Amino acid sequence: MKKKEWSIPELLATSTAYWKGCALQSAVRLGLFTTIDNDTLSLDEIADTMKADRRGTEFLLNALAAMSLLIKDGNCYSNSGAALEFLSSTSEKYIGHIILHHHHILDGWAQLHDAVISGKPVEMRSYGEDIERRSFLLGMLNLAMGIAPGLTSQVDLTGRRRLLDLGGGPGTYAIHFCLANPDLSAVIYDRPTTEPFARETVEKFGLQDRISFAGGDFNTAPIGGGPYDVAWLSHILHSNGLDECQALLDKTAAAMEPGGLIMIHEFILDNTKDSPEFPALFSLNMLVNNEGGRSYSEEELCTMLKNAGAKNIKRHSFQGPNDSAIISGIL
């Protein structure tokens, strides 16, 4: 793949790219887009509603208008179409939770140089365990809701009856696999603290009779509720080191029937590990946040599946946002 040719303007734009990210994250945290919603409000009205300083609010509003997230008319502001659709919490397509998650980990990225020197996660400011958990879980729901309907329509589970959604969080993929396959039932296996979010999401889709929840730490406890004939591991291996990943896949294989299908959904690196860009950068995200996790290459994931006893290992044609892909094998 041809490498990018950099210029000074592009280097400077990249170095200051976090300015735009911080402006967006601050606006979401302040509820600015929700405050405006379908209205057109003056600077004073917005500042008063948010109980914010007028000068600071003006600067933020003008920056968001410059980014085309707001529309400015005189001294009044309204949401752009995208802001109204994705950034006002009144919208069903709201993605503010994942943006807040990005805000919560920003402090870690600012200390990346320390993580590179030490090879260990850095200490970050805390916004509160419950707040961070909620933004993470609902953020994963934000992302998965945009991907799952198209993904599940491309994956053939004909004849499969019982799915394990390992580390499934709110259960978005389990839900959409069941919607696409009327004879399929599923178990979401995740930490007990995740259960309220999962049950709430499952009930919204009316699938509580087909999708159940099992609480536990899959890194330390056996995987119960089996046997399963299909397992879905979406974005959980990258939180673990290589040996932990192998142990987890071995444990998953032990919970499955002969002929069971294991599917791994991850940000997958090329075997050289220097592309694509997002999975390579995502390894840095794990470095500042996690003791041993990282993105894995296609070769590494295939080897893990082979070591777990899988055959017919292949990469699915699905290509998701940020170079997410699916590698599967049959036991």
Protein backbone atom coordinates (compact mmCIF):
# COMPACT_ATOMS: atom_id res chain seq x y z
CA MET A 1 0.00 0.00 0.00
CA LYS A 2 1.33 3.43 -0.95
CA LYS A 3 2.30 5.49 2.06
CA LYS A 4 1.04 9.01 2.59
CA GLU A 5 3.24 11.93 1.58
CA TRP A 6 3.13 14.52 4.37
CA SER A 7 3.35 18.31 4.08
CA ILE A 8 3.87 20.95 6.77
CA PRO A 9 0.19 22.06 6.68
CA GLU A 10 -0.94 18.45 7.05
CA LEU A 11 1.43 17.86 9.96
CA LEU A 12 0.18 20.99 11.72
CA ALA A 13 -3.46 20.05 11.06
CA THR A 14 -2.83 16.63 12.58
CA SER A 15 -1.05 18.10 15.59
CA THR A 16 -4.01 20.38 16.35
CA ALA A 17 -6.75 17.92 15.40
CA TYR A 18 -7.53 17.39 19.08
CA TRP A 19 -8.79 21.00 19.22
CA LYS A 20 -11.80 20.04 17.14
CA GLY A 21 -12.27 16.86 19.15
CA CYS A 22 -12.22 18.75 22.42
CA ALA A 23 -14.69 21.34 21.12
CA LEU A 24 -17.08 18.57 20.07
CA GLN A 25 -16.66 16.63 23.33
CA SER A 26 -17.15 19.72 25.46
CA ALA A 27 -20.33 20.63 23.61
CA VAL A 28 -21.72 17.12 24.12
CA ARG A 29 -20.73 17.10 27.79
CA LEU A 30 -22.43 20.48 28.30
CA GLY A 31 -25.55 19.28 26.47
CA LEU A 32 -25.24 22.19 24.06
CA PHE A 33 -26.74 20.48 21.02
CA THR A 34 -29.60 19.13 23.14
CA THR A 35 -30.18 22.61 24.58
CA ILE A 36 -30.65 24.04 21.08
CA ASP A 37 -32.40 20.95 19.65
CA ASN A 38 -34.92 22.12 17.00
CA ASP A 39 -34.86 25.74 18.13
CA THR A 40 -32.86 28.81 17.19
CA LEU A 41 -31.49 30.36 20.37
CA SER A 42 -29.50 33.46 21.19
CA LEU A 43 -26.09 33.40 22.78
CA ASP A 44 -27.54 34.63 26.07
CA GLU A 45 -30.29 31.99 26.07
CA ILE A 46 -27.78 29.20 25.49
CA ALA A 47 -25.33 30.48 28.12
CA ASP A 48 -28.14 30.93 30.68
CA THR A 49 -29.58 27.45 30.04
CA MET A 50 -26.16 25.81 30.43
CA LYS A 51 -25.30 28.09 33.40
CA ALA A 52 -22.08 28.92 31.55
CA ASP A 53 -19.93 32.01 31.12
CA ARG A 54 -21.11 34.20 28.23
CA ARG A 55 -17.63 34.76 26.79
CA GLY A 56 -16.67 31.09 26.94
CA THR A 57 -20.02 30.07 25.45
CA GLU A 58 -19.61 32.53 22.59
CA PHE A 59 -16.19 31.20 21.68
CA LEU A 60 -17.43 27.59 21.73
CA LEU A 61 -20.53 28.40 19.67
CA ASN A 62 -18.48 30.22 17.04
CA ALA A 63 -15.97 27.37 16.84
CA LEU A 64 -18.80 24.85 16.35
CA ALA A 65 -20.30 27.10 13.68
CA ALA A 66 -16.90 27.23 11.96
CA MET A 67 -16.92 23.42 12.04
CA SER A 68 -20.40 23.47 10.40
CA LEU A 69 -22.00 21.76 13.39
CA LEU A 70 -24.00 24.90 14.20
CA ILE A 71 -25.59 27.51 11.94
CA LYS A 72 -25.10 31.11 13.04
CA ASP A 73 -27.50 33.89 12.11
CA GLY A 74 -26.62 37.21 13.72
CA ASN A 75 -26.42 36.48 17.44
CA CYS A 76 -28.48 33.29 17.22
CA TYR A 77 -27.55 29.66 16.66
CA SER A 78 -29.30 26.53 15.44
CA ASN A 79 -28.15 22.95 14.96
CA SER A 80 -26.96 21.72 11.59
CA GLY A 81 -28.76 18.69 10.21
CA ALA A 82 -25.99 16.35 11.39
CA ALA A 83 -25.87 17.90 14.86
CA LEU A 84 -29.62 17.58 15.26
CA GLU A 85 -29.60 13.97 14.05
CA PHE A 86 -26.55 12.66 15.91
CA LEU A 87 -25.66 15.05 18.73
CA SER A 88 -28.98 16.04 20.32
CA SER A 89 -29.96 13.46 22.93
CA THR A 90 -33.59 13.75 21.82
CA SER A 91 -32.67 11.89 18.60
CA GLU A 92 -32.85 8.10 18.32
CA LYS A 93 -29.55 8.28 16.39
CA TYR A 94 -27.72 10.10 19.20
CA ILE A 95 -24.02 9.13 19.43
CA GLY A 96 -23.10 11.35 22.35
CA HIS A 97 -22.26 8.42 24.62
CA ILE A 98 -19.28 7.28 22.55
CA ILE A 99 -18.13 10.90 22.23
CA LEU A 100 -18.21 11.17 26.04
CA HIS A 101 -16.18 7.96 26.26
CA HIS A 102 -13.59 9.57 24.00
CA HIS A 103 -13.62 12.57 26.35
CA HIS A 104 -13.00 10.32 29.36
CA ILE A 105 -9.89 8.74 27.83
CA LEU A 106 -8.42 11.99 26.46
CA ASP A 107 -6.31 12.51 29.57
CA GLY A 108 -4.60 9.18 28.93
CA TRP A 109 -3.71 10.09 25.35
CA ALA A 110 -2.12 13.32 26.60
CA GLN A 111 0.31 11.09 28.54
CA LEU A 112 1.11 8.76 25.65
CA HIS A 113 4.81 9.60 25.83
CA ASP A 114 4.91 8.29 29.42
CA ALA A 115 3.13 5.09 28.40
CA VAL A 116 5.64 4.52 25.60
CA ILE A 117 8.54 4.91 28.05
CA SER A 118 7.03 2.69 30.76
CA GLY A 119 5.06 0.28 28.57
CA LYS A 120 2.24 0.54 31.11
CA PRO A 121 -1.12 2.30 31.40
CA VAL A 122 -1.10 5.83 32.78
CA GLU A 123 -3.12 7.30 35.61
CA MET A 124 -6.04 9.35 34.37
CA ARG A 125 -8.48 11.68 36.03
CA SER A 126 -11.69 9.94 37.08
CA TYR A 127 -15.12 11.15 36.08
CA GLY A 128 -16.71 8.54 38.34
CA GLU A 129 -16.85 4.79 37.78
CA ASP A 130 -20.59 4.71 37.10
CA ILE A 131 -20.43 7.65 34.68
CA GLU A 132 -17.50 6.13 32.78
CA ARG A 133 -19.13 2.68 32.64
CA ARG A 134 -22.38 4.12 31.37
CA SER A 135 -20.73 6.19 28.64
CA PHE A 136 -18.62 3.20 27.57
CA LEU A 137 -21.50 0.71 27.42
CA LEU A 138 -23.92 3.10 25.77
CA GLY A 139 -21.11 4.27 23.49
CA MET A 140 -20.60 0.66 22.36
CA LEU A 141 -24.34 0.57 21.75
CA ASN A 142 -24.05 3.76 19.65
CA LEU A 143 -21.37 2.20 17.46
CA ALA A 144 -22.88 -1.26 17.19
CA MET A 145 -26.33 0.04 16.29
CA GLY A 146 -24.78 1.63 13.22
CA ILE A 147 -22.96 -1.54 12.20
CA ALA A 148 -25.00 -4.52 13.42
CA PRO A 149 -27.99 -4.44 11.03
CA GLY A 150 -25.78 -4.52 7.93
CA LEU A 151 -23.26 -6.92 9.43
CA THR A 152 -25.77 -9.51 10.58
CA SER A 153 -27.46 -9.50 7.18
CA GLN A 154 -24.13 -10.51 5.62
CA VAL A 155 -23.39 -13.40 8.01
CA ASP A 156 -25.14 -16.70 7.24
CA LEU A 157 -26.29 -18.45 10.42
CA THR A 158 -28.76 -20.75 8.71
CA GLY A 159 -29.38 -23.79 10.92
CA ARG A 160 -27.65 -22.30 13.95
CA ARG A 161 -29.78 -22.40 17.11
CA ARG A 162 -27.86 -21.02 20.08
CA LEU A 163 -25.47 -18.05 20.04
CA LEU A 164 -22.94 -16.97 22.66
CA ASP A 165 -22.37 -13.20 22.58
CA LEU A 166 -19.18 -13.13 24.64
CA GLY A 167 -18.52 -9.78 26.28
CA GLY A 168 -21.63 -8.59 24.50
CA GLY A 169 -22.28 -5.53 26.67
CA PRO A 170 -25.73 -4.14 25.83
CA GLY A 171 -26.33 -7.13 23.52
CA THR A 172 -26.65 -5.21 20.27
CA TYR A 173 -25.19 -7.94 18.08
CA ALA A 174 -27.13 -10.70 19.83
CA ILE A 175 -30.29 -8.69 19.18
CA HIS A 176 -29.62 -8.20 15.49
CA PHE A 177 -28.46 -11.77 14.93
CA CYS A 178 -31.75 -12.93 16.48
CA LEU A 179 -33.77 -10.45 14.41
CA ALA A 180 -32.11 -11.77 11.25
CA ASN A 181 -32.51 -15.43 12.31
CA PRO A 182 -35.95 -16.18 13.82
CA ASP A 183 -34.95 -19.66 15.06
CA LEU A 184 -31.89 -18.36 16.93
CA SER A 185 -31.65 -17.75 20.68
CA ALA A 186 -28.71 -16.10 22.43
CA VAL A 187 -26.89 -15.66 25.72
CA ILE A 188 -25.04 -12.42 26.49
CA TYR A 189 -22.09 -13.26 28.74
CA ASP A 190 -20.52 -10.24 30.44
CA ARG A 191 -19.73 -8.74 33.83
CA PRO A 192 -22.74 -8.50 36.19
CA THR A 193 -22.55 -4.69 36.17
CA THR A 194 -23.52 -4.84 32.48
CA GLU A 195 -26.76 -6.74 33.05
CA PRO A 196 -29.12 -3.74 33.56
CA PHE A 197 -27.99 -2.18 30.27
CA ALA A 198 -28.32 -5.48 28.41
CA ARG A 199 -31.78 -6.27 29.75
CA GLU A 200 -33.01 -2.76 28.98
CA THR A 201 -31.77 -2.99 25.38
CA VAL A 202 -33.13 -6.49 24.82
CA GLU A 203 -36.54 -5.49 26.15
CA LYS A 204 -36.70 -2.52 23.78
CA PHE A 205 -36.60 -5.01 20.92
CA GLY A 206 -39.05 -7.41 22.59
CA LEU A 207 -36.54 -10.28 22.59
CA GLN A 208 -36.41 -11.08 26.31
CA ASP A 209 -37.84 -14.56 25.63
CA ARG A 210 -34.99 -15.40 23.23
CA ILE A 211 -32.01 -13.57 24.73
CA SER A 212 -30.79 -14.16 28.29
CA PHE A 213 -27.88 -12.77 30.30
CA ALA A 214 -25.16 -14.65 32.18
CA GLY A 215 -22.93 -12.66 34.52
CA GLY A 216 -19.27 -13.45 35.07
CA ASP A 217 -15.66 -12.60 34.26
CA PHE A 218 -14.86 -14.68 31.19
CA ASN A 219 -11.13 -14.29 31.82
CA THR A 220 -11.30 -16.05 35.18
CA ALA A 221 -14.50 -18.13 35.17
CA PRO A 222 -15.73 -20.94 32.91
CA ILE A 223 -18.19 -19.99 30.19
CA GLY A 224 -21.52 -21.46 31.22
CA GLY A 225 -24.91 -21.76 29.60
CA GLY A 226 -23.73 -23.97 26.75
CA PRO A 227 -23.38 -25.85 24.62
CA TYR A 228 -23.48 -23.27 21.84
CA ASP A 229 -23.27 -23.79 18.09
CA VAL A 230 -22.11 -20.25 17.29
CA ALA A 231 -19.97 -17.79 19.27
CA TRP A 232 -19.54 -14.08 18.59
CA LEU A 233 -16.52 -12.28 20.06
CA SER A 234 -16.78 -8.62 19.09
CA HIS A 235 -14.01 -6.22 20.18
CA ILE A 236 -13.00 -8.13 23.31
CA LEU A 237 -9.71 -9.73 22.30
CA HIS A 238 -7.99 -6.36 21.94
CA SER A 239 -8.38 -5.83 25.70
CA ASN A 240 -6.21 -8.88 26.40
CA GLY A 241 -2.63 -10.00 25.87
CA LEU A 242 -1.79 -12.80 23.45
CA ASP A 243 -1.82 -15.59 26.05
CA GLU A 244 -5.10 -14.34 27.54
CA CYS A 245 -6.67 -14.26 24.07
CA GLN A 246 -5.62 -17.83 23.44
CA ALA A 247 -6.97 -18.98 26.80
CA LEU A 248 -10.26 -17.20 26.09
CA LEU A 249 -10.63 -18.83 22.67
CA ASP A 250 -9.78 -22.23 24.18
CA LYS A 251 -12.46 -21.65 26.81
CA THR A 252 -14.96 -20.59 24.16
CA ALA A 253 -14.24 -23.70 22.09
CA ALA A 254 -14.82 -25.88 25.17
CA ALA A 255 -18.32 -24.39 25.58
CA MET A 256 -19.33 -25.24 22.01
CA GLU A 257 -20.75 -28.20 20.14
CA PRO A 258 -18.71 -30.02 17.48
CA GLY A 259 -19.16 -28.11 14.25
CA GLY A 260 -19.67 -24.87 16.14
CA LEU A 261 -18.82 -21.58 14.45
CA ILE A 262 -16.53 -19.07 16.21
CA MET A 263 -16.51 -15.52 14.81
CA ILE A 264 -14.01 -12.86 15.86
CA HIS A 265 -14.90 -9.23 15.07
CA GLU A 266 -11.94 -6.89 15.58
CA PHE A 267 -9.92 -3.98 14.23
CA ILE A 268 -7.51 -6.16 12.26
CA LEU A 269 -3.96 -5.23 11.34
CA ASP A 270 -2.17 -6.38 8.23
CA ASN A 271 0.47 -8.96 9.04
CA THR A 272 3.18 -6.28 8.84
CA LYS A 273 1.29 -4.43 11.63
CA ASP A 274 1.95 -1.00 10.10
CA SER A 275 -1.48 -0.68 8.45
CA PRO A 276 -4.35 0.04 8.30
CA GLU A 277 -4.06 3.29 10.21
CA PHE A 278 -6.93 2.95 12.69
CA PRO A 279 -6.00 -0.49 14.10
CA ALA A 280 -2.38 0.71 14.42
CA LEU A 281 -3.49 3.81 16.34
CA PHE A 282 -5.90 1.71 18.39
CA SER A 283 -2.96 -0.24 19.81
CA LEU A 284 -1.76 3.08 21.28
CA ASN A 285 -5.21 3.57 22.80
CA MET A 286 -4.83 0.22 24.52
CA LEU A 287 -1.29 1.11 25.66
CA VAL A 288 -2.45 4.12 27.68
CA ASN A 289 -5.50 2.31 29.08
CA ASN A 290 -4.65 -1.37 29.40
CA GLU A 291 -1.87 -3.60 30.72
CA GLY A 292 -1.58 -6.00 27.78
CA GLY A 293 -4.18 -5.33 25.10
CA ARG A 294 -3.55 -4.30 21.49
CA SER A 295 -4.80 -4.75 17.95
CA TYR A 296 -3.96 -8.11 16.39
CA SER A 297 -3.00 -9.06 12.86
CA GLU A 298 -4.98 -11.42 10.67
CA GLU A 299 -2.20 -14.00 10.98
CA GLU A 300 -2.25 -13.82 14.78
CA LEU A 301 -6.02 -14.22 14.98
CA CYS A 302 -6.01 -17.15 12.56
CA THR A 303 -3.27 -18.84 14.60
CA MET A 304 -5.29 -18.39 17.80
CA LEU A 305 -8.31 -20.04 16.19
CA LYS A 306 -6.19 -22.89 14.86
CA ASN A 307 -4.67 -23.47 18.31
CA ALA A 308 -8.20 -23.60 19.76
CA GLY A 309 -9.01 -26.46 17.41
CA ALA A 310 -10.80 -24.57 14.64
CA LYS A 311 -10.62 -25.49 10.96
CA ASN A 312 -11.85 -23.84 7.77
CA ILE A 313 -10.49 -20.56 9.11
CA LYS A 314 -11.22 -17.60 6.84
CA ARG A 315 -11.71 -13.87 6.69
CA HIS A 316 -15.25 -12.76 5.93
CA SER A 317 -15.90 -10.28 3.15
CA PHE A 318 -17.48 -7.84 5.64
CA GLN A 319 -15.54 -4.58 6.02
CA GLY A 320 -16.71 -2.25 8.76
CA PRO A 321 -15.88 1.29 9.81
CA ASN A 322 -12.32 1.78 11.05
CA ASP A 323 -11.21 -1.45 9.34
CA SER A 324 -13.15 -3.83 11.54
CA ALA A 325 -13.45 -7.30 10.01
CA ILE A 326 -14.53 -10.84 10.84
CA ILE A 327 -12.38 -13.96 11.01
CA SER A 328 -14.15 -17.26 11.62
CA GLY A 329 -13.43 -20.94 12.10
CA ILE A 330 -15.36 -24.19 12.51
CA LEU A 331 -14.69 -26.56 15.42
